[in-house]
Protein backbone atom coordinates (compact mmCIF):
# COMPACT_ATOMS: atom_id res chain seq x y z
CA MET A 1 -26.42 -0.17 -41.90
CA LYS A 2 -25.42 1.21 -38.47
CA GLU A 3 -25.86 -2.26 -36.97
CA ASN A 4 -23.43 -3.74 -39.51
CA VAL A 5 -20.78 -1.11 -38.73
CA ALA A 6 -21.24 -1.58 -34.98
CA SER A 7 -21.09 -5.38 -35.35
CA ALA A 8 -17.97 -5.19 -37.49
CA THR A 9 -16.31 -2.83 -34.99
CA VAL A 10 -17.11 -5.09 -32.04
CA PHE A 11 -15.94 -8.17 -33.96
CA THR A 12 -12.65 -6.47 -34.89
CA LEU A 13 -12.05 -5.36 -31.30
CA LEU A 14 -12.78 -8.82 -29.91
CA LEU A 15 -10.53 -10.43 -32.52
CA PHE A 16 -7.70 -8.06 -31.61
CA LEU A 17 -8.12 -8.67 -27.86
CA ASN A 18 -8.37 -12.42 -28.36
CA THR A 19 -5.21 -12.48 -30.46
CA CYS A 20 -3.31 -10.42 -27.90
CA LEU A 21 -4.53 -12.53 -24.98
CA LEU A 22 -3.77 -15.82 -26.72
CA ASN A 23 -0.24 -14.66 -27.46
CA GLY A 24 0.12 -13.36 -23.91
CA GLN A 25 1.14 -9.98 -25.25
CA LEU A 26 -0.25 -6.94 -23.49
CA PRO A 27 0.96 -3.47 -22.57
CA PRO A 28 2.94 -3.51 -19.31
CA GLY A 29 1.31 -2.95 -15.95
CA LYS A 30 1.82 0.28 -14.03
CA PRO A 31 5.07 0.43 -12.02
CA GLU A 32 5.04 2.00 -8.56
CA ILE A 33 7.72 4.03 -6.78
CA PHE A 34 7.79 2.56 -3.28
CA LYS A 35 10.85 4.02 -1.58
CA CYS A 36 13.33 6.86 -1.76
CA ARG A 37 16.30 7.12 0.60
CA SER A 38 18.99 9.69 1.27
CA PRO A 39 21.61 8.17 3.58
CA ASN A 40 23.92 11.20 3.56
CA LYS A 41 21.42 14.03 2.95
CA GLU A 42 23.30 14.96 -0.25
CA THR A 43 22.36 12.19 -2.66
CA PHE A 44 19.32 9.95 -2.90
CA THR A 45 18.03 6.81 -4.58
CA CYS A 46 14.47 5.81 -5.43
CA TRP A 47 13.24 2.29 -6.16
CA TRP A 48 10.13 1.09 -7.98
CA ARG A 49 8.17 -2.14 -8.26
CA PRO A 50 7.59 -3.09 -11.88
CA GLY A 51 4.08 -3.96 -12.97
CA THR A 52 3.35 -7.00 -15.11
CA ASP A 53 5.49 -7.20 -18.22
CA GLY A 54 2.65 -8.13 -20.58
CA GLY A 55 4.60 -11.19 -21.71
CA LEU A 56 7.15 -9.04 -23.55
CA PRO A 57 10.52 -7.45 -22.79
CA THR A 58 9.76 -4.22 -20.93
CA ASN A 59 11.89 -1.10 -20.55
CA TYR A 60 11.53 1.29 -17.63
CA SER A 61 12.41 4.96 -17.51
CA LEU A 62 12.15 7.38 -14.63
CA THR A 63 11.54 11.02 -15.48
CA TYR A 64 11.39 13.90 -13.04
CA HIS A 65 11.20 17.63 -12.64
CA ARG A 66 11.69 19.87 -9.65
CA GLU A 67 8.72 21.68 -8.18
CA GLY A 68 8.25 25.01 -9.91
CA GLU A 69 9.98 23.83 -13.10
CA THR A 70 8.45 22.36 -16.24
CA LEU A 71 11.51 20.85 -17.94
CA MET A 72 11.50 17.05 -17.57
CA HIS A 73 14.74 15.14 -17.02
CA GLU A 74 15.51 11.43 -17.23
CA CYS A 75 17.10 9.50 -14.39
CA PRO A 76 20.82 10.26 -14.32
CA ASP A 77 21.94 6.83 -13.00
CA TYR A 78 20.03 3.54 -13.31
CA ILE A 79 23.03 1.46 -12.11
CA THR A 80 24.21 2.58 -8.65
CA GLY A 81 21.03 1.69 -6.73
CA GLY A 82 20.61 -1.74 -8.34
CA PRO A 83 17.68 -3.10 -10.35
CA ASN A 84 14.57 -0.92 -10.69
CA SER A 85 16.20 2.16 -9.23
CA CYS A 86 17.35 5.68 -9.98
CA HIS A 87 20.24 7.31 -8.16
CA PHE A 88 20.70 11.07 -7.93
CA GLY A 89 24.30 12.13 -7.29
CA LYS A 90 25.29 15.51 -5.79
CA GLN A 91 25.23 17.27 -9.16
CA TYR A 92 21.51 16.38 -9.56
CA THR A 93 20.21 17.29 -6.12
CA SER A 94 19.05 20.53 -4.56
CA MET A 95 18.38 20.88 -0.86
CA TRP A 96 14.80 21.57 0.18
CA ARG A 97 13.43 21.04 -3.34
CA THR A 98 10.53 18.72 -4.10
CA TYR A 99 11.09 16.27 -6.95
CA ILE A 100 8.09 15.08 -8.97
CA MET A 101 8.88 11.65 -10.44
CA MET A 102 7.18 9.20 -12.76
CA VAL A 103 8.25 5.73 -13.87
CA ASN A 104 7.09 4.66 -17.31
CA ALA A 105 7.02 1.03 -18.49
CA THR A 106 7.10 0.41 -22.24
CA ASN A 107 6.95 -2.75 -24.33
CA GLN A 108 6.02 -3.60 -27.91
CA MET A 109 2.28 -3.33 -27.12
CA GLY A 110 2.41 0.12 -25.49
CA SER A 111 3.13 1.83 -22.21
């Protein structure tokens, strides 16, 4: 009986993976923040490299919190720095504070 359940589980998993791979639909690859720059020491912009899109439209969101805080915030400005970027204007920056950032990629298959 256990062998039948195990076989059915493996078959179902392989069928699911095969269907996803044949359709070219997978969760997106992991994006990577590769550069942050502060030209005037008051504002800054960070850029990321997207991972693979999994064959589906993929949305990216950058979230952050300041060191010592737990409340997460979303990027205030995805436009100013161009594609795959987040810009922090004066009202979002604090001197001598460390920002912990994460970029999340999400499509129909997951994130």
